[in-house]
C-alpha atoms as a PDB file:
ATOM      1  CA  MET A   1      60.394 -17.941 -43.271  1.00  0.00           C
ATOM      2  CA  ALA A   2      59.178 -20.760 -45.238  1.00  0.00           C
ATOM      3  CA  GLY A   3      61.012 -23.216 -45.133  1.00  0.00           C
ATOM      4  CA  GLU A   4      62.634 -22.618 -42.004  1.00  0.00           C
ATOM      5  CA  PRO A   5      61.203 -24.683 -38.757  1.00  0.00           C
ATOM      6  CA  GLN A   6      58.387 -22.252 -37.195  1.00  0.00           C
ATOM      7  CA  SER A   7      58.249 -22.525 -32.996  1.00  0.00           C
ATOM      8  CA  ASP A   8      54.376 -22.796 -33.258  1.00  0.00           C
ATOM      9  CA  CYS A   9      54.131 -26.166 -35.654  1.00  0.00           C
ATOM     10  CA  LEU A  10      53.407 -29.386 -33.880  1.00  0.00           C
ATOM     11  CA  PHE A  11      55.444 -31.074 -36.756  1.00  0.00           C
ATOM     12  CA  CYS A  12      58.369 -28.944 -36.294  1.00  0.00           C
ATOM     13  CA  LYS A  13      58.420 -29.855 -33.099  1.00  0.00           C
ATOM     14  CA  ILE A  14      58.526 -33.740 -34.090  1.00  0.00           C
ATOM     15  CA  VAL A  15      61.181 -33.044 -36.772  1.00  0.00           C
ATOM     16  CA  ALA A  16      63.361 -31.550 -33.835  1.00  0.00           C
ATOM     17  CA  GLY A  17      62.339 -34.201 -31.397  1.00  0.00           C
ATOM     18  CA  GLU A  18      60.637 -32.321 -28.836  1.00  0.00           C
ATOM     19  CA  ILE A  19      57.382 -34.071 -28.907  1.00  0.00           C
ATOM     20  CA  PRO A  20      57.384 -37.652 -29.319  1.00  0.00           C
ATOM     21  CA  ALA A  21      55.841 -39.816 -32.538  1.00  0.00           C
ATOM     22  CA  THR A  22      56.208 -43.472 -33.549  1.00  0.00           C
ATOM     23  CA  VAL A  23      58.611 -42.763 -36.495  1.00  0.00           C
ATOM     24  CA  VAL A  24      57.849 -45.854 -39.427  1.00  0.00           C
ATOM     25  CA  ARG A  25      60.628 -44.184 -42.193  1.00  0.00           C
ATOM     26  CA  GLU A  26      63.089 -41.403 -41.796  1.00  0.00           C
ATOM     27  CA  THR A  27      65.363 -39.987 -44.436  1.00  0.00           C
ATOM     28  CA  GLU A  28      67.655 -36.648 -44.429  1.00  0.00           C
ATOM     29  CA  ARG A  29      64.724 -34.806 -45.779  1.00  0.00           C
ATOM     30  CA  THR A  30      61.461 -36.116 -44.545  1.00  0.00           C
ATOM     31  CA  LEU A  31      59.740 -38.203 -41.350  1.00  0.00           C
ATOM     32  CA  ALA A  32      57.079 -41.002 -41.653  1.00  0.00           C
ATOM     33  CA  PHE A  33      55.140 -41.422 -38.219  1.00  0.00           C
ATOM     34  CA  ARG A  34      51.631 -42.565 -37.193  1.00  0.00           C
ATOM     35  CA  ASP A  35      48.498 -40.510 -37.156  1.00  0.00           C
ATOM     36  CA  ILE A  36      47.592 -40.079 -33.541  1.00  0.00           C
ATOM     37  CA  SER A  37      43.889 -40.154 -34.398  1.00  0.00           C
ATOM     38  CA  PRO A  38      43.758 -42.624 -37.386  1.00  0.00           C
ATOM     39  CA  LYS A  39      41.279 -43.369 -39.565  1.00  0.00           C
ATOM     40  CA  ALA A  40      42.385 -46.547 -41.256  1.00  0.00           C
ATOM     41  CA  PRO A  41      44.453 -49.318 -39.973  1.00  0.00           C
ATOM     42  CA  THR A  42      47.597 -47.919 -41.374  1.00  0.00           C
ATOM     43  CA  HIS A  43      47.396 -44.201 -41.336  1.00  0.00           C
ATOM     44  CA  VAL A  44      51.566 -42.720 -41.648  1.00  0.00           C
ATOM     45  CA  LEU A  45      51.959 -38.937 -42.280  1.00  0.00           C
ATOM     46  CA  VAL A  46      55.221 -38.903 -44.237  1.00  0.00           C
ATOM     47  CA  ILE A  47      56.370 -34.473 -43.847  1.00  0.00           C
ATOM     48  CA  PRO A  48      59.180 -32.553 -45.006  1.00  0.00           C
ATOM     49  CA  LYS A  49      61.634 -31.643 -42.576  1.00  0.00           C
ATOM     50  CA  VAL A  50      61.375 -27.944 -43.859  1.00  0.00           C
ATOM     51  CA  HIS A  51      58.530 -26.184 -43.051  1.00  0.00           C
ATOM     52  CA  TYR A  52      55.921 -25.101 -45.835  1.00  0.00           C
ATOM     53  CA  PRO A  53      52.459 -24.586 -44.683  1.00  0.00           C
ATOM     54  CA  ASN A  54      50.803 -26.793 -47.351  1.00  0.00           C
ATOM     55  CA  ALA A  55      51.693 -29.066 -50.080  1.00  0.00           C
ATOM     56  CA  ALA A  56      50.949 -25.927 -52.928  1.00  0.00           C
ATOM     57  CA  ALA A  57      53.340 -23.728 -51.081  1.00  0.00           C
ATOM     58  CA  LEU A  58      56.285 -26.679 -50.886  1.00  0.00           C
ATOM     59  CA  ALA A  59      55.814 -27.366 -54.444  1.00  0.00           C
ATOM     60  CA  ASP A  60      56.424 -23.968 -55.424  1.00  0.00           C
ATOM     61  CA  ALA A  61      59.401 -23.893 -53.323  1.00  0.00           C
ATOM     62  CA  GLU A  62      61.129 -27.253 -53.259  1.00  0.00           C
ATOM     63  CA  PRO A  63      59.931 -29.744 -56.026  1.00  0.00           C
ATOM     64  CA  GLU A  64      62.309 -31.811 -55.415  1.00  0.00           C
ATOM     65  CA  ILE A  65      61.166 -32.692 -51.754  1.00  0.00           C
ATOM     66  CA  THR A  66      57.707 -33.089 -52.956  1.00  0.00           C
ATOM     67  CA  ALA A  67      58.458 -35.981 -54.978  1.00  0.00           C
ATOM     68  CA  GLU A  68      60.660 -37.556 -52.237  1.00  0.00           C
ATOM     69  CA  LEU A  69      57.761 -37.091 -50.132  1.00  0.00           C
ATOM     70  CA  LEU A  70      55.589 -38.828 -52.825  1.00  0.00           C
ATOM     71  CA  PHE A  71      57.837 -41.732 -53.083  1.00  0.00           C
ATOM     72  CA  GLN A  72      58.417 -42.247 -49.208  1.00  0.00           C
ATOM     73  CA  ALA A  73      54.937 -42.632 -49.281  1.00  0.00           C
ATOM     74  CA  GLY A  74      55.138 -45.698 -51.225  1.00  0.00           C
ATOM     75  CA  GLU A  75      57.904 -46.998 -49.411  1.00  0.00           C
ATOM     76  CA  VAL A  76      55.717 -46.487 -46.350  1.00  0.00           C
ATOM     77  CA  ALA A  77      52.532 -48.482 -48.077  1.00  0.00           C
ATOM     78  CA  ALA A  78      55.130 -51.444 -49.176  1.00  0.00           C
ATOM     79  CA  ASP A  79      56.538 -51.453 -45.575  1.00  0.00           C
ATOM     80  CA  GLU A  80      52.953 -51.469 -44.275  1.00  0.00           C
ATOM     81  CA  LYS A  81      52.197 -54.341 -46.811  1.00  0.00           C
ATOM     82  CA  ILE A  82      48.808 -52.411 -47.987  1.00  0.00           C
ATOM     83  CA  VAL A  83      50.183 -51.702 -52.185  1.00  0.00           C
ATOM     84  CA  GLU A  84      48.289 -55.361 -53.402  1.00  0.00           C
ATOM     85  CA  SER A  85      45.293 -54.201 -51.293  1.00  0.00           C
ATOM     86  CA  GLY A  86      45.293 -50.588 -52.370  1.00  0.00           C
ATOM     87  CA  TYR A  87      45.759 -47.326 -50.380  1.00  0.00           C
ATOM     88  CA  ARG A  88      45.282 -43.581 -50.529  1.00  0.00           C
ATOM     89  CA  LEU A  89      47.722 -40.726 -50.438  1.00  0.00           C
ATOM     90  CA  ILE A  90      45.900 -37.411 -49.164  1.00  0.00           C
ATOM     91  CA  PHE A  91      47.151 -33.774 -49.047  1.00  0.00           C
ATOM     92  CA  ASN A  92      44.793 -31.517 -47.308  1.00  0.00           C
ATOM     93  CA  THR A  93      45.629 -28.266 -48.640  1.00  0.00           C
ATOM     94  CA  GLY A  94      43.985 -25.550 -46.300  1.00  0.00           C
ATOM     95  CA  ALA A  95      41.465 -25.122 -43.753  1.00  0.00           C
ATOM     96  CA  GLY A  96      38.481 -25.462 -46.154  1.00  0.00           C
ATOM     97  CA  ALA A  97      40.074 -28.799 -47.055  1.00  0.00           C
ATOM     98  CA  GLY A  98      40.803 -30.514 -43.631  1.00  0.00           C
ATOM     99  CA  GLN A  99      44.259 -29.265 -43.043  1.00  0.00           C
ATOM    100  CA  THR A 100      44.547 -28.894 -39.013  1.00  0.00           C
ATOM    101  CA  ILE A 101      48.341 -28.856 -39.321  1.00  0.00           C
ATOM    102  CA  PHE A 102      49.658 -25.940 -41.369  1.00  0.00           C
ATOM    103  CA  HIS A 103      53.056 -28.017 -42.301  1.00  0.00           C
ATOM    104  CA  ALA A 104      52.952 -29.410 -45.562  1.00  0.00           C
ATOM    105  CA  HIS A 105      51.869 -33.899 -45.138  1.00  0.00           C
ATOM    106  CA  VAL A 106      50.880 -36.291 -46.665  1.00  0.00           C
ATOM    107  CA  HIS A 107      48.537 -38.987 -45.347  1.00  0.00           C
ATOM    108  CA  VAL A 108      48.922 -42.812 -46.348  1.00  0.00           C
ATOM    109  CA  LEU A 109      46.017 -44.533 -45.816  1.00  0.00           C
ATOM    110  CA  GLY A 110      45.334 -48.062 -45.880  1.00  0.00           C
ATOM    111  CA  GLY A 111      44.425 -51.714 -44.409  1.00  0.00           C
ATOM    112  CA  ARG A 112      41.025 -51.505 -45.420  1.00  0.00           C
ATOM    113  CA  PRO A 113      38.450 -50.746 -47.847  1.00  0.00           C
ATOM    114  CA  MET A 114      38.398 -47.111 -48.682  1.00  0.00           C
ATOM    115  CA  ASN A 115      35.047 -44.901 -49.329  1.00  0.00           C
ATOM    116  CA  GLU A 116      34.730 -41.678 -51.038  1.00  0.00           C
ATOM    117  CA  ASN A 117      33.615 -40.112 -47.400  1.00  0.00           C
ATOM    118  CA  MET A 118      36.991 -40.748 -45.778  1.00  0.00           C
ATOM    119  CA  VAL A 119      39.191 -38.284 -44.746  1.00  0.00           C
END
């Protein structure tokens, strides 16, 4: 059921503490951790602690958590000191867009110049 932890979801397992992650920020409703396959010097994923398969489903069901994800992404950028140089936020929604883990999440990328072909 949407919003409930899924036993086969990698990110739900990270939220539950079953799989380790390098956590950089946590709130009651969100978790931010370093990507294990970074595409930039700073590559952090910000996820909701509730399970929705993609950003569109999350936004439809829980817009306040979607807004918190964006706020926390900005806080991660500030913590990582990439605000001045610029950073990119990416939501991949659906396999055709490159989504490989079907738990809503936003990528925070920075620390080098971004080009159009990145992620």
